[in-house]
Amino acid sequence: MNSINLQDAAKALEIENEISCLTSGQSMKPLFRQHKDIAVIRKKDRALKKGDVVLYKYPEREEYILHRVIGFKGENPVIRGDNNTFTEYGVKNEYVIGILTAFYRNGVYFECEKSVKYKLYVFALKAIYPINKIKRLIIRIFSKLKSILIGT
């Protein structure tokens, strides 16, 4: 498998069934650290399920995105980055080109379907999401209050 970035993933998945790529961005923290972890992505060959991390691209945008399926609206996935508070409802099934099957973190290989640690992470993520959303709301409110009261 070649190690590539997400921008080259679609072309590579047209040729290969599975690719590995260096992750970038902050939206999937703490699972993926920017330019440190490698995602192993398989060409979409099955129906999506809740909890899958998928590679997709909106037709009108240039970038490819790797986020988690948190549910479904009809046949289309509802998606959110692990570190995001906003949810994406506009992703259509046909925008998804690949599914995360494994990843390397600090040189250690984790297979999504078999790793107990990964499954515990996903379970914990679901449990703490409401708490993180409230925390971020409180931080935003205090930031606005600070700017109003102090002027910075």
Protein backbone atom coordinates (compact mmCIF):
# COMPACT_ATOMS: atom_id res chain seq x y z
CA MET A 1 0.00 0.00 0.00
CA ASN A 2 1.24 3.46 -0.83
CA SER A 3 1.11 6.18 1.80
CA ILE A 4 -0.70 9.17 0.26
CA ASN A 5 -2.66 12.22 1.39
CA LEU A 6 -6.44 12.46 1.32
CA GLN A 7 -6.39 14.60 -1.84
CA ASP A 8 -4.95 11.68 -3.83
CA ALA A 9 -7.18 9.07 -2.18
CA ALA A 10 -9.97 9.04 -4.77
CA LYS A 11 -7.59 8.43 -7.66
CA ALA A 12 -5.78 5.73 -5.72
CA LEU A 13 -9.04 4.01 -4.75
CA GLU A 14 -9.98 3.82 -8.43
CA ILE A 15 -6.91 1.61 -8.93
CA GLU A 16 -6.44 -0.07 -5.55
CA ASN A 17 -8.99 -1.63 -3.21
CA GLU A 18 -7.15 -0.35 -0.15
CA ILE A 19 -4.86 2.61 0.48
CA SER A 20 -3.04 4.16 3.40
CA CYS A 21 -2.82 7.90 3.86
CA LEU A 22 -1.40 10.38 6.31
CA THR A 23 -4.14 12.16 8.22
CA SER A 24 -4.43 15.93 8.40
CA GLY A 25 -6.68 18.40 10.17
CA GLN A 26 -8.14 18.58 13.66
CA SER A 27 -11.69 17.31 13.12
CA MET A 28 -10.96 13.68 14.06
CA LYS A 29 -8.92 14.40 17.20
CA PRO A 30 -8.15 12.59 19.43
CA LEU A 31 -8.34 9.53 17.15
CA PHE A 32 -6.10 11.09 14.50
CA ARG A 33 -3.31 13.57 15.08
CA GLN A 34 -2.40 15.85 12.21
CA HIS A 35 0.42 14.48 10.05
CA LYS A 36 1.22 11.76 12.60
CA ASP A 37 -1.25 8.92 12.05
CA ILE A 38 -1.94 6.79 8.99
CA ALA A 39 -5.46 5.79 7.99
CA VAL A 40 -6.06 2.56 6.06
CA ILE A 41 -9.09 3.07 3.81
CA ARG A 42 -10.84 0.43 1.72
CA LYS A 43 -12.92 1.24 -1.33
CA LYS A 44 -16.60 1.36 -0.34
CA ASP A 45 -17.73 -2.21 -0.96
CA ARG A 46 -20.63 -2.53 1.47
CA ALA A 47 -23.49 -0.57 2.96
CA LEU A 48 -22.45 2.02 5.51
CA LYS A 49 -23.21 1.47 9.17
CA LYS A 50 -23.34 3.69 12.21
CA GLY A 51 -19.84 4.19 13.61
CA ASP A 52 -18.01 3.82 10.27
CA VAL A 53 -15.36 6.44 9.52
CA VAL A 54 -15.79 7.31 5.86
CA LEU A 55 -13.83 9.18 3.21
CA TYR A 56 -16.08 11.45 1.15
CA LYS A 57 -16.08 14.51 -1.03
CA TYR A 58 -18.80 17.00 -1.83
CA PRO A 59 -18.95 17.47 -5.64
CA GLU A 60 -18.57 21.26 -5.37
CA ARG A 61 -15.51 21.14 -3.08
CA GLU A 62 -11.91 20.17 -3.67
CA GLU A 63 -11.02 18.56 -0.35
CA TYR A 64 -11.67 15.01 0.82
CA ILE A 65 -12.95 14.53 4.35
CA LEU A 66 -12.64 11.64 6.79
CA HIS A 67 -15.48 11.73 9.36
CA ARG A 68 -17.68 9.32 11.32
CA VAL A 69 -21.20 8.15 10.44
CA ILE A 70 -23.39 8.88 13.47
CA GLY A 71 -26.73 7.92 11.96
CA PHE A 72 -28.83 8.00 8.81
CA LYS A 73 -31.42 10.29 7.26
CA GLY A 74 -33.17 8.03 4.80
CA GLU A 75 -30.43 6.22 2.89
CA ASN A 76 -27.85 8.97 3.38
CA PRO A 77 -25.37 9.08 6.25
CA VAL A 78 -25.40 11.73 8.95
CA ILE A 79 -21.75 12.56 9.62
CA ARG A 80 -19.64 14.34 12.21
CA GLY A 81 -15.92 14.64 12.94
CA ASP A 82 -15.00 13.25 16.35
CA ASN A 83 -13.75 16.71 17.39
CA ASN A 84 -16.63 18.67 15.82
CA THR A 85 -19.83 19.90 17.44
CA PHE A 86 -21.66 20.40 14.13
CA THR A 87 -23.35 17.58 12.23
CA GLU A 88 -23.38 17.17 8.45
CA TYR A 89 -26.71 16.19 6.91
CA GLY A 90 -25.83 16.96 3.27
CA VAL A 91 -23.57 13.98 2.59
CA LYS A 92 -25.12 11.63 0.05
CA ASN A 93 -24.28 7.95 -0.16
CA GLU A 94 -22.65 8.44 -3.56
CA TYR A 95 -20.20 11.03 -2.11
CA VAL A 96 -18.61 8.30 0.03
CA ILE A 97 -15.69 6.61 -1.69
CA GLY A 98 -14.05 4.68 1.14
CA ILE A 99 -14.35 3.28 4.65
CA LEU A 100 -11.67 3.28 7.34
CA THR A 101 -10.68 -0.32 8.10
CA ALA A 102 -7.59 0.25 10.21
CA PHE A 103 -5.01 2.83 11.23
CA TYR A 104 -1.47 3.18 12.53
CA ARG A 105 -0.81 5.26 15.62
CA ASN A 106 2.78 5.51 16.88
CA GLY A 107 3.61 2.58 14.61
CA VAL A 108 0.97 0.34 16.21
CA TYR A 109 -1.65 -1.19 13.88
CA PHE A 110 -5.32 -1.06 14.96
CA GLU A 111 -7.97 -2.93 12.97
CA CYS A 112 -11.34 -1.22 13.45
CA GLU A 113 -13.46 -4.38 13.50
CA LYS A 114 -11.18 -6.30 15.87
CA SER A 115 -9.51 -3.79 18.19
CA VAL A 116 -11.06 -3.72 21.64
CA LYS A 117 -9.29 -0.41 22.36
CA TYR A 118 -10.80 1.18 19.26
CA LYS A 119 -14.28 -0.11 20.12
CA LEU A 120 -13.94 1.31 23.65
CA TYR A 121 -12.86 4.64 22.15
CA VAL A 122 -15.98 4.75 19.94
CA PHE A 123 -18.20 3.84 22.93
CA ALA A 124 -16.61 6.57 25.08
CA LEU A 125 -16.89 9.07 22.24
CA LYS A 126 -20.65 8.55 22.03
CA ALA A 127 -20.97 8.91 25.79
CA ILE A 128 -18.98 12.14 26.15
CA TYR A 129 -20.21 13.99 23.06
CA PRO A 130 -23.08 15.76 24.88
CA ILE A 131 -20.66 16.84 27.64
CA ASN A 132 -18.17 18.23 25.09
CA LYS A 133 -20.93 20.11 23.30
CA ILE A 134 -22.01 21.78 26.57
CA LYS A 135 -18.38 22.56 27.45
CA ARG A 136 -17.80 24.25 24.10
CA LEU A 137 -21.02 26.24 24.47
CA ILE A 138 -19.91 27.48 27.91
CA ILE A 139 -16.49 28.45 26.50
CA ARG A 140 -18.15 30.38 23.66
CA ILE A 141 -20.45 32.20 26.10
CA PHE A 142 -17.53 33.16 28.37
CA SER A 143 -15.48 34.31 25.37
CA LYS A 144 -18.33 36.59 24.26
CA LEU A 145 -18.80 37.90 27.80
CA LYS A 146 -15.08 38.57 28.05
CA SER A 147 -15.07 40.53 24.79
CA ILE A 148 -18.13 42.54 25.89
CA LEU A 149 -16.82 43.28 29.39
CA ILE A 150 -13.11 43.69 28.68
CA GLY A 151 -13.21 44.56 25.02
CA THR A 152 -10.71 41.98 23.76
